[in-house]
Amino acid sequence: MSGVDEDKLRAAVLAALRIPAERYQPDLKLGDLEEWDSLGHLELISQLESTFGVTFNLEDIPQLDSLAAIRMRLREPR
């Protein structure tokens, strides 16, 4: 199982949610920050797809509600 590039993940989260670096935590989940609401979630998914060159299925998107879940999904074979 390969790892996720944590620098890329962090950059994607910061860009999508438009938060300063000091507010980033590796265990963030939906609702932890006011910026990670339903609209922020869609922004994050879009940024992750662009950053990592992946496409998430519509049924996967609601399950990607934490950075832990996102890491697990990004580790799956494509």
C-alpha atoms as a PDB file:
ATOM      1  CA  MET A   1       0.000   0.000   0.000  1.00  0.00           C
ATOM      2  CA  SER A   2       1.539   3.280  -1.047  1.00  0.00           C
ATOM      3  CA  GLY A   3       1.297   6.393   1.046  1.00  0.00           C
ATOM      4  CA  VAL A   4      -0.370   9.662   0.271  1.00  0.00           C
ATOM      5  CA  ASP A   5       1.802  12.689  -0.407  1.00  0.00           C
ATOM      6  CA  GLU A   6       1.006  14.617   2.784  1.00  0.00           C
ATOM      7  CA  ASP A   7       2.393  17.886   1.414  1.00  0.00           C
ATOM      8  CA  LYS A   8       0.051  17.690  -1.580  1.00  0.00           C
ATOM      9  CA  LEU A   9      -2.891  16.779   0.650  1.00  0.00           C
ATOM     10  CA  ARG A  10      -2.173  19.662   2.997  1.00  0.00           C
ATOM     11  CA  ALA A  11      -1.823  22.112   0.111  1.00  0.00           C
ATOM     12  CA  ALA A  12      -5.111  20.899  -1.401  1.00  0.00           C
ATOM     13  CA  VAL A  13      -6.953  21.345   1.901  1.00  0.00           C
ATOM     14  CA  LEU A  14      -5.516  24.821   2.462  1.00  0.00           C
ATOM     15  CA  ALA A  15      -6.396  25.915  -1.069  1.00  0.00           C
ATOM     16  CA  ALA A  16      -9.890  24.427  -1.142  1.00  0.00           C
ATOM     17  CA  LEU A  17     -10.981  25.648   2.272  1.00  0.00           C
ATOM     18  CA  ARG A  18      -9.021  28.904   2.018  1.00  0.00           C
ATOM     19  CA  ILE A  19      -7.589  28.568   5.506  1.00  0.00           C
ATOM     20  CA  PRO A  20      -4.200  29.631   6.864  1.00  0.00           C
ATOM     21  CA  ALA A  21      -1.616  26.911   7.424  1.00  0.00           C
ATOM     22  CA  GLU A  22      -1.818  27.150  11.209  1.00  0.00           C
ATOM     23  CA  ARG A  23      -5.457  25.971  11.140  1.00  0.00           C
ATOM     24  CA  TYR A  24      -4.594  22.744   9.334  1.00  0.00           C
ATOM     25  CA  GLN A  25      -4.651  19.562  11.415  1.00  0.00           C
ATOM     26  CA  PRO A  26      -3.932  16.100   9.949  1.00  0.00           C
ATOM     27  CA  ASP A  27      -7.066  14.681  11.586  1.00  0.00           C
ATOM     28  CA  LEU A  28      -9.577  17.266  10.307  1.00  0.00           C
ATOM     29  CA  LYS A  29     -13.077  16.136   9.457  1.00  0.00           C
ATOM     30  CA  LEU A  30     -16.200  17.677   7.983  1.00  0.00           C
ATOM     31  CA  GLY A  31     -17.595  20.233  10.417  1.00  0.00           C
ATOM     32  CA  ASP A  32     -14.360  20.791  12.371  1.00  0.00           C
ATOM     33  CA  LEU A  33     -13.906  24.122  10.629  1.00  0.00           C
ATOM     34  CA  GLU A  34     -16.700  26.447   9.572  1.00  0.00           C
ATOM     35  CA  GLU A  35     -15.059  26.480   6.133  1.00  0.00           C
ATOM     36  CA  TRP A  36     -15.522  22.710   5.796  1.00  0.00           C
ATOM     37  CA  ASP A  37     -19.272  22.805   5.388  1.00  0.00           C
ATOM     38  CA  SER A  38     -21.251  21.270   2.513  1.00  0.00           C
ATOM     39  CA  LEU A  39     -19.967  23.804  -0.025  1.00  0.00           C
ATOM     40  CA  GLY A  40     -16.431  23.566   1.330  1.00  0.00           C
ATOM     41  CA  HIS A  41     -16.700  19.792   1.018  1.00  0.00           C
ATOM     42  CA  LEU A  42     -17.431  20.059  -2.702  1.00  0.00           C
ATOM     43  CA  GLU A  43     -14.566  22.529  -3.121  1.00  0.00           C
ATOM     44  CA  LEU A  44     -12.249  20.113  -1.318  1.00  0.00           C
ATOM     45  CA  ILE A  45     -13.328  17.142  -3.443  1.00  0.00           C
ATOM     46  CA  SER A  46     -12.761  19.167  -6.618  1.00  0.00           C
ATOM     47  CA  GLN A  47      -9.323  20.297  -5.419  1.00  0.00           C
ATOM     48  CA  LEU A  48      -8.354  16.737  -4.459  1.00  0.00           C
ATOM     49  CA  GLU A  49      -9.399  15.434  -7.865  1.00  0.00           C
ATOM     50  CA  SER A  50      -7.297  18.097  -9.558  1.00  0.00           C
ATOM     51  CA  THR A  51      -4.296  17.733  -7.265  1.00  0.00           C
ATOM     52  CA  PHE A  52      -4.137  13.932  -7.263  1.00  0.00           C
ATOM     53  CA  GLY A  53      -5.454  13.292 -10.799  1.00  0.00           C
ATOM     54  CA  VAL A  54      -8.339  11.149  -9.589  1.00  0.00           C
ATOM     55  CA  THR A  55     -12.083  11.120 -10.046  1.00  0.00           C
ATOM     56  CA  PHE A  56     -14.320  10.203  -7.149  1.00  0.00           C
ATOM     57  CA  ASN A  57     -17.603   8.418  -7.778  1.00  0.00           C
ATOM     58  CA  LEU A  58     -20.674  10.330  -6.658  1.00  0.00           C
ATOM     59  CA  GLU A  59     -21.463   7.643  -4.089  1.00  0.00           C
ATOM     60  CA  ASP A  60     -17.945   8.004  -2.612  1.00  0.00           C
ATOM     61  CA  ILE A  61     -18.122  11.757  -2.010  1.00  0.00           C
ATOM     62  CA  PRO A  62     -20.307  11.714   1.143  1.00  0.00           C
ATOM     63  CA  GLN A  63     -18.022   9.069   2.675  1.00  0.00           C
ATOM     64  CA  LEU A  64     -14.943  11.284   2.246  1.00  0.00           C
ATOM     65  CA  ASP A  65     -15.818  13.259   5.360  1.00  0.00           C
ATOM     66  CA  SER A  66     -12.432  13.235   7.076  1.00  0.00           C
ATOM     67  CA  LEU A  67      -8.806  13.438   6.085  1.00  0.00           C
ATOM     68  CA  ALA A  68      -8.409   9.870   7.342  1.00  0.00           C
ATOM     69  CA  ALA A  69     -11.138   8.663   4.949  1.00  0.00           C
ATOM     70  CA  ILE A  70      -9.636  10.713   2.122  1.00  0.00           C
ATOM     71  CA  ARG A  71      -6.198   9.188   2.724  1.00  0.00           C
ATOM     72  CA  MET A  72      -7.668   5.685   2.663  1.00  0.00           C
ATOM     73  CA  ARG A  73      -9.494   6.388  -0.608  1.00  0.00           C
ATOM     74  CA  LEU A  74      -6.404   7.926  -2.227  1.00  0.00           C
ATOM     75  CA  ARG A  75      -4.398   4.821  -1.311  1.00  0.00           C
ATOM     76  CA  GLU A  76      -6.799   2.516  -3.157  1.00  0.00           C
ATOM     77  CA  PRO A  77      -5.627   1.246  -6.536  1.00  0.00           C
ATOM     78  CA  ARG A  78      -7.018   3.245  -9.431  1.00  0.00           C
END
